[in-house]
């Protein structure tokens, strides 16, 4: 795994764009069975603090059961976030 930046930057969450042309539901937990707490506009930037498994979703970036924690109690499907990876890009929640 390649690490970029200094040790002080390592604790900061990386920012990634959501899929252009898609409004992305932000849910209260890592799955489609959780309530929608807000909706991101197409091309929004999100910071991923940690990632966990949840409902499998198919989106513009493939099919994934990874959910990204973007704020306290706020999750988006990784299938709608351009992380450049099909796997984990942040610590597990």
PDB file of N, CA and C in Angstrom:
ATOM      1  N   UNK A   1       0.836  -1.177   0.000  1.00  0.00           N
ATOM      2  CA  UNK A   1       0.000   0.000   0.000  1.00  0.00           C
ATOM      3  C   UNK A   1       0.877   1.235   0.000  1.00  0.00           C
ATOM      4  N   UNK A   2       0.580   2.179  -0.862  1.00  0.00           N
ATOM      5  CA  UNK A   2       1.360   3.399  -0.942  1.00  0.00           C
ATOM      6  C   UNK A   2       0.750   4.457  -0.021  1.00  0.00           C
ATOM      7  N   UNK A   3       1.569   5.096   0.784  1.00  0.00           N
ATOM      8  CA  UNK A   3       1.098   6.133   1.682  1.00  0.00           C
ATOM      9  C   UNK A   3       1.616   7.470   1.181  1.00  0.00           C
ATOM     10  N   UNK A   4       0.701   8.407   1.045  1.00  0.00           N
ATOM     11  CA  UNK A   4       1.071   9.741   0.585  1.00  0.00           C
ATOM     12  C   UNK A   4       0.956  10.732   1.731  1.00  0.00           C
ATOM     13  N   UNK A   5       1.833  11.707   1.757  1.00  0.00           N
ATOM     14  CA  UNK A   5       1.742  12.759   2.758  1.00  0.00           C
ATOM     15  C   UNK A   5       2.498  12.413   4.027  1.00  0.00           C
ATOM     16  N   UNK A   6       2.450  13.325   4.963  1.00  0.00           N
ATOM     17  CA  UNK A   6       3.156  13.152   6.223  1.00  0.00           C
ATOM     18  C   UNK A   6       2.282  12.414   7.226  1.00  0.00           C
ATOM     19  N   UNK A   7       2.860  12.070   8.351  1.00  0.00           N
ATOM     20  CA  UNK A   7       2.126  11.357   9.389  1.00  0.00           C
ATOM     21  C   UNK A   7       0.952  12.188   9.898  1.00  0.00           C
ATOM     22  N   UNK A   8       1.116  13.512   9.945  1.00  0.00           N
ATOM     23  CA  UNK A   8       0.022  14.355  10.429  1.00  0.00           C
ATOM     24  C   UNK A   8      -1.156  14.335   9.459  1.00  0.00           C
ATOM     25  N   UNK A   9      -0.895  14.144   8.180  1.00  0.00           N
ATOM     26  CA  UNK A   9      -1.971  14.082   7.199  1.00  0.00           C
ATOM     27  C   UNK A   9      -2.662  12.719   7.206  1.00  0.00           C
ATOM     28  N   UNK A  10      -1.986  11.697   7.710  1.00  0.00           N
ATOM     29  CA  UNK A  10      -2.530  10.343   7.679  1.00  0.00           C
ATOM     30  C   UNK A  10      -3.817  10.227   8.492  1.00  0.00           C
ATOM     31  N   UNK A  11      -3.959  11.055   9.530  1.00  0.00           N
ATOM     32  CA  UNK A  11      -5.157  10.977  10.364  1.00  0.00           C
ATOM     33  C   UNK A  11      -6.338  11.717   9.737  1.00  0.00           C
ATOM     34  N   UNK A  12      -6.074  12.554   8.756  1.00  0.00           N
ATOM     35  CA  UNK A  12      -7.142  13.288   8.095  1.00  0.00           C
ATOM     36  C   UNK A  12      -7.850  12.387   7.089  1.00  0.00           C
ATOM     37  N   UNK A  13      -9.164  12.514   7.008  1.00  0.00           N
ATOM     38  CA  UNK A  13      -9.938  11.714   6.064  1.00  0.00           C
ATOM     39  C   UNK A  13      -9.701  12.240   4.649  1.00  0.00           C
ATOM     40  N   UNK A  14      -9.554  11.322   3.713  1.00  0.00           N
ATOM     41  CA  UNK A  14      -9.380  11.706   2.317  1.00  0.00           C
ATOM     42  C   UNK A  14     -10.734  12.081   1.723  1.00  0.00           C
ATOM     43  N   UNK A  15     -10.697  12.983   0.739  1.00  0.00           N
ATOM     44  CA  UNK A  15     -11.923  13.452   0.098  1.00  0.00           C
ATOM     45  C   UNK A  15     -12.046  12.833  -1.290  1.00  0.00           C
ATOM     46  N   UNK A  16     -13.265  12.399  -1.633  1.00  0.00           N
ATOM     47  CA  UNK A  16     -13.524  11.741  -2.907  1.00  0.00           C
ATOM     48  C   UNK A  16     -14.799  12.311  -3.529  1.00  0.00           C
ATOM     49  N   UNK A  17     -14.882  12.331  -4.876  1.00  0.00           N
ATOM     50  CA  UNK A  17     -16.106  12.807  -5.528  1.00  0.00           C
ATOM     51  C   UNK A  17     -17.164  11.702  -5.624  1.00  0.00           C
ATOM     52  N   UNK A  18     -18.431  12.114  -5.505  1.00  0.00           N
ATOM     53  CA  UNK A  18     -19.517  11.180  -5.784  1.00  0.00           C
ATOM     54  C   UNK A  18     -19.751  11.174  -7.294  1.00  0.00           C
ATOM     55  N   UNK A  19     -20.519  10.212  -7.754  1.00  0.00           N
ATOM     56  CA  UNK A  19     -20.736  10.028  -9.187  1.00  0.00           C
ATOM     57  C   UNK A  19     -21.433  11.238  -9.816  1.00  0.00           C
ATOM     58  N   UNK A  20     -20.874  11.747 -10.913  1.00  0.00           N
ATOM     59  CA  UNK A  20     -21.551  12.848 -11.611  1.00  0.00           C
ATOM     60  C   UNK A  20     -22.877  12.368 -12.188  1.00  0.00           C
ATOM     61  N   UNK A  21     -23.897  13.208 -12.086  1.00  0.00           N
ATOM     62  CA  UNK A  21     -25.196  12.862 -12.639  1.00  0.00           C
ATOM     63  C   UNK A  21     -26.082  12.059 -11.708  1.00  0.00           C
ATOM     64  N   UNK A  22     -25.614  11.787 -10.480  1.00  0.00           N
ATOM     65  CA  UNK A  22     -26.402  11.008  -9.517  1.00  0.00           C
ATOM     66  C   UNK A  22     -26.579  11.781  -8.217  1.00  0.00           C
ATOM     67  N   UNK A  23     -27.813  11.847  -7.727  1.00  0.00           N
ATOM     68  CA  UNK A  23     -28.038  12.298  -6.368  1.00  0.00           C
ATOM     69  C   UNK A  23     -27.823  11.073  -5.486  1.00  0.00           C
ATOM     70  N   UNK A  24     -27.055  11.226  -4.430  1.00  0.00           N
ATOM     71  CA  UNK A  24     -26.682  10.086  -3.595  1.00  0.00           C
ATOM     72  C   UNK A  24     -27.366  10.193  -2.236  1.00  0.00           C
ATOM     73  N   UNK A  25     -28.097   9.137  -1.874  1.00  0.00           N
ATOM     74  CA  UNK A  25     -28.740   9.095  -0.564  1.00  0.00           C
ATOM     75  C   UNK A  25     -27.702   8.876   0.528  1.00  0.00           C
ATOM     76  N   UNK A  26     -27.779   9.691   1.561  1.00  0.00           N
ATOM     77  CA  UNK A  26     -26.957   9.512   2.757  1.00  0.00           C
ATOM     78  C   UNK A  26     -27.862   8.870   3.795  1.00  0.00           C
ATOM     79  N   UNK A  27     -27.438   7.724   4.316  1.00  0.00           N
ATOM     80  CA  UNK A  27     -28.282   6.954   5.233  1.00  0.00           C
ATOM     81  C   UNK A  27     -27.709   6.948   6.645  1.00  0.00           C
ATOM     82  N   UNK A  28     -28.582   6.636   7.600  1.00  0.00           N
ATOM     83  CA  UNK A  28     -28.186   6.658   9.013  1.00  0.00           C
ATOM     84  C   UNK A  28     -27.336   5.461   9.409  1.00  0.00           C
ATOM     85  N   UNK A  29     -27.235   4.471   8.529  1.00  0.00           N
ATOM     86  CA  UNK A  29     -26.422   3.292   8.780  1.00  0.00           C
ATOM     87  C   UNK A  29     -25.983   2.671   7.468  1.00  0.00           C
ATOM     88  N   UNK A  30     -25.168   1.611   7.530  1.00  0.00           N
ATOM     89  CA  UNK A  30     -24.570   1.023   6.319  1.00  0.00           C
ATOM     90  C   UNK A  30     -25.495   0.057   5.571  1.00  0.00           C
ATOM     91  N   UNK A  31     -26.608   0.579   5.068  1.00  0.00           N
ATOM     92  CA  UNK A  31     -27.502  -0.280   4.303  1.00  0.00           C
ATOM     93  C   UNK A  31     -28.717   0.462   3.801  1.00  0.00           C
ATOM     94  N   UNK A  32     -29.363  -0.109   2.795  1.00  0.00           N
ATOM     95  CA  UNK A  32     -30.537   0.525   2.202  1.00  0.00           C
ATOM     96  C   UNK A  32     -31.762   0.452   3.115  1.00  0.00           C
ATOM     97  N   UNK A  33     -31.683  -0.350   4.173  1.00  0.00           N
ATOM     98  CA  UNK A  33     -32.784  -0.439   5.134  1.00  0.00           C
ATOM     99  C   UNK A  33     -32.751   0.685   6.165  1.00  0.00           C
ATOM    100  N   UNK A  34     -31.691   1.483   6.167  1.00  0.00           N
ATOM    101  CA  UNK A  34     -31.580   2.616   7.080  1.00  0.00           C
ATOM    102  C   UNK A  34     -32.240   3.855   6.469  1.00  0.00           C
ATOM    103  N   UNK A  35     -32.686   4.750   7.324  1.00  0.00           N
ATOM    104  CA  UNK A  35     -33.367   5.968   6.871  1.00  0.00           C
ATOM    105  C   UNK A  35     -32.415   6.886   6.101  1.00  0.00           C
ATOM    106  N   UNK A  36     -32.971   7.582   5.101  1.00  0.00           N
ATOM    107  CA  UNK A  36     -32.222   8.608   4.373  1.00  0.00           C
ATOM    108  C   UNK A  36     -32.211   9.862   5.244  1.00  0.00           C
ATOM    109  N   UNK A  37     -31.004  10.360   5.563  1.00  0.00           N
ATOM    110  CA  UNK A  37     -30.894  11.543   6.422  1.00  0.00           C
ATOM    111  C   UNK A  37     -30.662  12.826   5.617  1.00  0.00           C
ATOM    112  N   UNK A  38     -30.135  12.683   4.400  1.00  0.00           N
ATOM    113  CA  UNK A  38     -29.986  13.808   3.477  1.00  0.00           C
ATOM    114  C   UNK A  38     -29.612  13.248   2.113  1.00  0.00           C
ATOM    115  N   UNK A  39     -29.585  14.122   1.109  1.00  0.00           N
ATOM    116  CA  UNK A  39     -29.253  13.714  -0.254  1.00  0.00           C
ATOM    117  C   UNK A  39     -28.124  14.603  -0.760  1.00  0.00           C
ATOM    118  N   UNK A  40     -27.073  13.972  -1.289  1.00  0.00           N
ATOM    119  CA  UNK A  40     -25.952  14.726  -1.862  1.00  0.00           C
ATOM    120  C   UNK A  40     -26.250  15.050  -3.321  1.00  0.00           C
ATOM    121  N   UNK A  41     -25.901  16.244  -3.728  1.00  0.00           N
ATOM    122  CA  UNK A  41     -26.086  16.645  -5.116  1.00  0.00           C
ATOM    123  C   UNK A  41     -25.025  15.981  -5.992  1.00  0.00           C
ATOM    124  N   UNK A  42     -25.305  15.822  -7.295  1.00  0.00           N
ATOM    125  CA  UNK A  42     -24.334  15.181  -8.193  1.00  0.00           C
ATOM    126  C   UNK A  42     -22.957  15.844  -8.108  1.00  0.00           C
ATOM    127  N   UNK A  43     -21.922  15.004  -8.056  1.00  0.00           N
ATOM    128  CA  UNK A  43     -20.544  15.501  -8.041  1.00  0.00           C
ATOM    129  C   UNK A  43     -20.084  16.074  -6.715  1.00  0.00           C
ATOM    130  N   UNK A  44     -20.810  15.818  -5.632  1.00  0.00           N
ATOM    131  CA  UNK A  44     -20.393  16.300  -4.309  1.00  0.00           C
ATOM    132  C   UNK A  44     -19.082  15.637  -3.902  1.00  0.00           C
ATOM    133  N   UNK A  45     -18.345  16.305  -3.037  1.00  0.00           N
ATOM    134  CA  UNK A  45     -17.130  15.728  -2.448  1.00  0.00           C
ATOM    135  C   UNK A  45     -17.484  15.188  -1.070  1.00  0.00           C
ATOM    136  N   UNK A  46     -16.987  14.001  -0.729  1.00  0.00           N
ATOM    137  CA  UNK A  46     -17.202  13.443   0.605  1.00  0.00           C
ATOM    138  C   UNK A  46     -15.869  13.036   1.212  1.00  0.00           C
ATOM    139  N   UNK A  47     -15.753  13.187   2.509  1.00  0.00           N
ATOM    140  CA  UNK A  47     -14.596  12.693   3.252  1.00  0.00           C
ATOM    141  C   UNK A  47     -14.988  11.357   3.855  1.00  0.00           C
ATOM    142  N   UNK A  48     -14.142  10.355   3.657  1.00  0.00           N
ATOM    143  CA  UNK A  48     -14.421   9.022   4.187  1.00  0.00           C
ATOM    144  C   UNK A  48     -13.589   8.816   5.444  1.00  0.00           C
ATOM    145  N   UNK A  49     -14.276   8.686   6.585  1.00  0.00           N
ATOM    146  CA  UNK A  49     -13.598   8.522   7.866  1.00  0.00           C
ATOM    147  C   UNK A  49     -13.303   7.055   8.159  1.00  0.00           C
ATOM    148  N   UNK A  50     -14.229   6.180   7.767  1.00  0.00           N
ATOM    149  CA  UNK A  50     -14.019   4.753   7.913  1.00  0.00           C
ATOM    150  C   UNK A  50     -15.013   4.043   6.999  1.00  0.00           C
ATOM    151  N   UNK A  51     -14.817   2.739   6.811  1.00  0.00           N
ATOM    152  CA  UNK A  51     -15.676   1.964   5.924  1.00  0.00           C
ATOM    153  C   UNK A  51     -16.091   0.671   6.609  1.00  0.00           C
ATOM    154  N   UNK A  52     -17.277   0.188   6.264  1.00  0.00           N
ATOM    155  CA  UNK A  52     -17.802  -1.041   6.849  1.00  0.00           C
ATOM    156  C   UNK A  52     -18.643  -1.775   5.808  1.00  0.00           C
ATOM    157  N   UNK A  53     -18.978  -3.015   6.087  1.00  0.00           N
ATOM    158  CA  UNK A  53     -19.817  -3.767   5.157  1.00  0.00           C
ATOM    159  C   UNK A  53     -21.284  -3.553   5.497  1.00  0.00           C
ATOM    160  N   UNK A  54     -22.110  -3.669   4.464  1.00  0.00           N
ATOM    161  CA  UNK A  54     -23.551  -3.500   4.629  1.00  0.00           C
ATOM    162  C   UNK A  54     -24.261  -4.077   3.422  1.00  0.00           C
ATOM    163  N   UNK A  55     -25.413  -3.516   3.100  1.00  0.00           N
ATOM    164  CA  UNK A  55     -26.207  -3.962   1.958  1.00  0.00           C
ATOM    165  C   UNK A  55     -25.394  -3.849   0.668  1.00  0.00           C
ATOM    166  N   UNK A  56     -25.484  -4.863  -0.190  1.00  0.00           N
ATOM    167  CA  UNK A  56     -24.820  -4.808  -1.499  1.00  0.00           C
ATOM    168  C   UNK A  56     -25.630  -3.910  -2.426  1.00  0.00           C
ATOM    169  N   UNK A  57     -24.939  -2.963  -3.057  1.00  0.00           N
ATOM    170  CA  UNK A  57     -25.567  -1.981  -3.937  1.00  0.00           C
ATOM    171  C   UNK A  57     -24.821  -1.961  -5.265  1.00  0.00           C
ATOM    172  N   UNK A  58     -25.563  -1.816  -6.365  1.00  0.00           N
ATOM    173  CA  UNK A  58     -24.958  -1.627  -7.684  1.00  0.00           C
ATOM    174  C   UNK A  58     -25.137  -0.174  -8.091  1.00  0.00           C
ATOM    175  N   UNK A  59     -24.024   0.469  -8.448  1.00  0.00           N
ATOM    176  CA  UNK A  59     -24.047   1.873  -8.840  1.00  0.00           C
ATOM    177  C   UNK A  59     -23.105   2.103 -10.000  1.00  0.00           C
ATOM    178  N   UNK A  60     -22.834   3.360 -10.299  1.00  0.00           N
ATOM    179  CA  UNK A  60     -21.976   3.689 -11.444  1.00  0.00           C
ATOM    180  C   UNK A  60     -20.539   3.195 -11.315  1.00  0.00           C
ATOM    181  N   UNK A  61     -20.098   2.899 -10.090  1.00  0.00           N
ATOM    182  CA  UNK A  61     -18.736   2.404  -9.885  1.00  0.00           C
ATOM    183  C   UNK A  61     -18.724   0.927  -9.511  1.00  0.00           C
ATOM    184  N   UNK A  62     -19.743   0.190  -9.962  1.00  0.00           N
ATOM    185  CA  UNK A  62     -19.763  -1.254  -9.762  1.00  0.00           C
ATOM    186  C   UNK A  62     -20.717  -1.684  -8.672  1.00  0.00           C
ATOM    187  N   UNK A  63     -20.567  -2.935  -8.268  1.00  0.00           N
ATOM    188  CA  UNK A  63     -21.387  -3.514  -7.210  1.00  0.00           C
ATOM    189  C   UNK A  63     -20.517  -3.695  -5.981  1.00  0.00           C
ATOM    190  N   UNK A  64     -20.997  -3.200  -4.844  1.00  0.00           N
ATOM    191  CA  UNK A  64     -20.181  -3.224  -3.630  1.00  0.00           C
ATOM    192  C   UNK A  64     -21.060  -3.382  -2.400  1.00  0.00           C
ATOM    193  N   UNK A  65     -20.506  -4.037  -1.375  1.00  0.00           N
ATOM    194  CA  UNK A  65     -21.169  -4.084  -0.068  1.00  0.00           C
ATOM    195  C   UNK A  65     -20.427  -3.193   0.928  1.00  0.00           C
ATOM    196  N   UNK A  66     -19.535  -2.351   0.425  1.00  0.00           N
ATOM    197  CA  UNK A  66     -18.790  -1.419   1.272  1.00  0.00           C
ATOM    198  C   UNK A  66     -19.589  -0.120   1.406  1.00  0.00           C
ATOM    199  N   UNK A  67     -19.693   0.362   2.629  1.00  0.00           N
ATOM    200  CA  UNK A  67     -20.363   1.628   2.919  1.00  0.00           C
ATOM    201  C   UNK A  67     -19.358   2.575   3.557  1.00  0.00           C
ATOM    202  N   UNK A  68     -19.390   3.828   3.115  1.00  0.00           N
ATOM    203  CA  UNK A  68     -18.452   4.855   3.565  1.00  0.00           C
ATOM    204  C   UNK A  68     -19.090   5.727   4.632  1.00  0.00           C
ATOM    205  N   UNK A  69     -18.421   5.851   5.776  1.00  0.00           N
ATOM    206  CA  UNK A  69     -18.879   6.749   6.834  1.00  0.00           C
ATOM    207  C   UNK A  69     -18.352   8.139   6.522  1.00  0.00           C
ATOM    208  N   UNK A  70     -19.254   9.093   6.233  1.00  0.00           N
ATOM    209  CA  UNK A  70     -18.840  10.436   5.819  1.00  0.00           C
ATOM    210  C   UNK A  70     -19.043  11.472   6.920  1.00  0.00           C
ATOM    211  N   UNK A  71     -19.715  11.083   7.991  1.00  0.00           N
ATOM    212  CA  UNK A  71     -19.931  11.943   9.147  1.00  0.00           C
ATOM    213  C   UNK A  71     -20.571  11.068  10.216  1.00  0.00           C
ATOM    214  N   UNK A  72     -20.711  11.575  11.409  1.00  0.00           N
ATOM    215  CA  UNK A  72     -21.318  10.785  12.475  1.00  0.00           C
ATOM    216  C   UNK A  72     -22.737  10.373  12.088  1.00  0.00           C
ATOM    217  N   UNK A  73     -22.976   9.059  12.027  1.00  0.00           N
ATOM    218  CA  UNK A  73     -24.290   8.551  11.678  1.00  0.00           C
ATOM    219  C   UNK A  73     -24.704   8.777  10.231  1.00  0.00           C
ATOM    220  N   UNK A  74     -23.719   8.973   9.324  1.00  0.00           N
ATOM    221  CA  UNK A  74     -24.028   9.208   7.915  1.00  0.00           C
ATOM    222  C   UNK A  74     -23.167   8.303   7.034  1.00  0.00           C
ATOM    223  N   UNK A  75     -23.855   7.497   6.215  1.00  0.00           N
ATOM    224  CA  UNK A  75     -23.185   6.516   5.355  1.00  0.00           C
ATOM    225  C   UNK A  75     -23.680   6.627   3.921  1.00  0.00           C
ATOM    226  N   UNK A  76     -22.756   6.413   2.965  1.00  0.00           N
ATOM    227  CA  UNK A  76     -23.123   6.320   1.550  1.00  0.00           C
ATOM    228  C   UNK A  76     -22.525   5.045   0.984  1.00  0.00           C
ATOM    229  N   UNK A  77     -23.207   4.475  -0.008  1.00  0.00           N
ATOM    230  CA  UNK A  77     -22.680   3.277  -0.663  1.00  0.00           C
ATOM    231  C   UNK A  77     -21.421   3.627  -1.436  1.00  0.00           C
ATOM    232  N   UNK A  78     -20.397   2.796  -1.287  1.00  0.00           N
ATOM    233  CA  UNK A  78     -19.139   3.013  -2.000  1.00  0.00           C
ATOM    234  C   UNK A  78     -19.311   2.887  -3.510  1.00  0.00           C
ATOM    235  N   UNK A  79     -20.411   2.271  -3.966  1.00  0.00           N
ATOM    236  CA  UNK A  79     -20.679   2.126  -5.403  1.00  0.00           C
ATOM    237  C   UNK A  79     -20.977   3.472  -6.059  1.00  0.00           C
ATOM    238  N   UNK A  80     -21.200   4.510  -5.255  1.00  0.00           N
ATOM    239  CA  UNK A  80     -21.482   5.858  -5.770  1.00  0.00           C
ATOM    240  C   UNK A  80     -20.360   6.852  -5.472  1.00  0.00           C
ATOM    241  N   UNK A  81     -19.227   6.353  -4.981  1.00  0.00           N
ATOM    242  CA  UNK A  81     -18.093   7.224  -4.648  1.00  0.00           C
ATOM    243  C   UNK A  81     -16.877   6.781  -5.447  1.00  0.00           C
ATOM    244  N   UNK A  82     -16.232   7.740  -6.103  1.00  0.00           N
ATOM    245  CA  UNK A  82     -15.071   7.424  -6.942  1.00  0.00           C
ATOM    246  C   UNK A  82     -13.808   7.402  -6.089  1.00  0.00           C
ATOM    247  N   UNK A  83     -13.514   6.203  -5.536  1.00  0.00           N
ATOM    248  CA  UNK A  83     -12.326   6.066  -4.686  1.00  0.00           C
ATOM    249  C   UNK A  83     -11.122   5.553  -5.474  1.00  0.00           C
ATOM    250  N   UNK A  84     -11.369   5.047  -6.686  1.00  0.00           N
ATOM    251  CA  UNK A  84     -10.287   4.484  -7.476  1.00  0.00           C
ATOM    252  C   UNK A  84      -9.943   3.066  -7.071  1.00  0.00           C
ATOM    253  N   UNK A  85     -10.778   2.458  -6.221  1.00  0.00           N
ATOM    254  CA  UNK A  85     -10.519   1.112  -5.732  1.00  0.00           C
ATOM    255  C   UNK A  85     -11.827   0.365  -5.548  1.00  0.00           C
ATOM    256  N   UNK A  86     -11.794  -0.966  -5.740  1.00  0.00           N
ATOM    257  CA  UNK A  86     -12.947  -1.808  -5.447  1.00  0.00           C
ATOM    258  C   UNK A  86     -12.921  -2.284  -4.008  1.00  0.00           C
ATOM    259  N   UNK A  87     -11.854  -1.938  -3.289  1.00  0.00           N
ATOM    260  CA  UNK A  87     -11.695  -2.376  -1.908  1.00  0.00           C
ATOM    261  C   UNK A  87     -11.740  -1.213  -0.953  1.00  0.00           C
ATOM    262  N   UNK A  88     -11.200  -1.448   0.229  1.00  0.00           N
ATOM    263  CA  UNK A  88     -11.190  -0.429   1.280  1.00  0.00           C
ATOM    264  C   UNK A  88     -10.110   0.607   1.032  1.00  0.00           C
ATOM    265  N   UNK A  89     -10.459   1.884   1.236  1.00  0.00           N
ATOM    266  CA  UNK A  89      -9.491   2.976   1.108  1.00  0.00           C
ATOM    267  C   UNK A  89      -9.353   3.743   2.421  1.00  0.00           C
ATOM    268  N   UNK A  90     -10.079   3.284   3.449  1.00  0.00           N
ATOM    269  CA  UNK A  90     -10.056   3.929   4.764  1.00  0.00           C
ATOM    270  C   UNK A  90     -10.122   2.813   5.821  1.00  0.00           C
ATOM    271  N   UNK A  91      -9.824   3.148   7.074  1.00  0.00           N
ATOM    272  CA  UNK A  91      -9.903   2.135   8.129  1.00  0.00           C
ATOM    273  C   UNK A  91     -11.317   1.557   8.244  1.00  0.00           C
ATOM    274  N   UNK A  92     -11.402   0.352   8.786  1.00  0.00           N
ATOM    275  CA  UNK A  92     -12.719  -0.262   9.036  1.00  0.00           C
ATOM    276  C   UNK A  92     -13.380   0.455  10.219  1.00  0.00           C
ATOM    277  N   UNK A  93     -14.708   0.607  10.135  1.00  0.00           N
ATOM    278  CA  UNK A  93     -15.471   1.225  11.238  1.00  0.00           C
ATOM    279  C   UNK A  93     -15.634   0.218  12.371  1.00  0.00           C
TER     280      UNK A  93
END
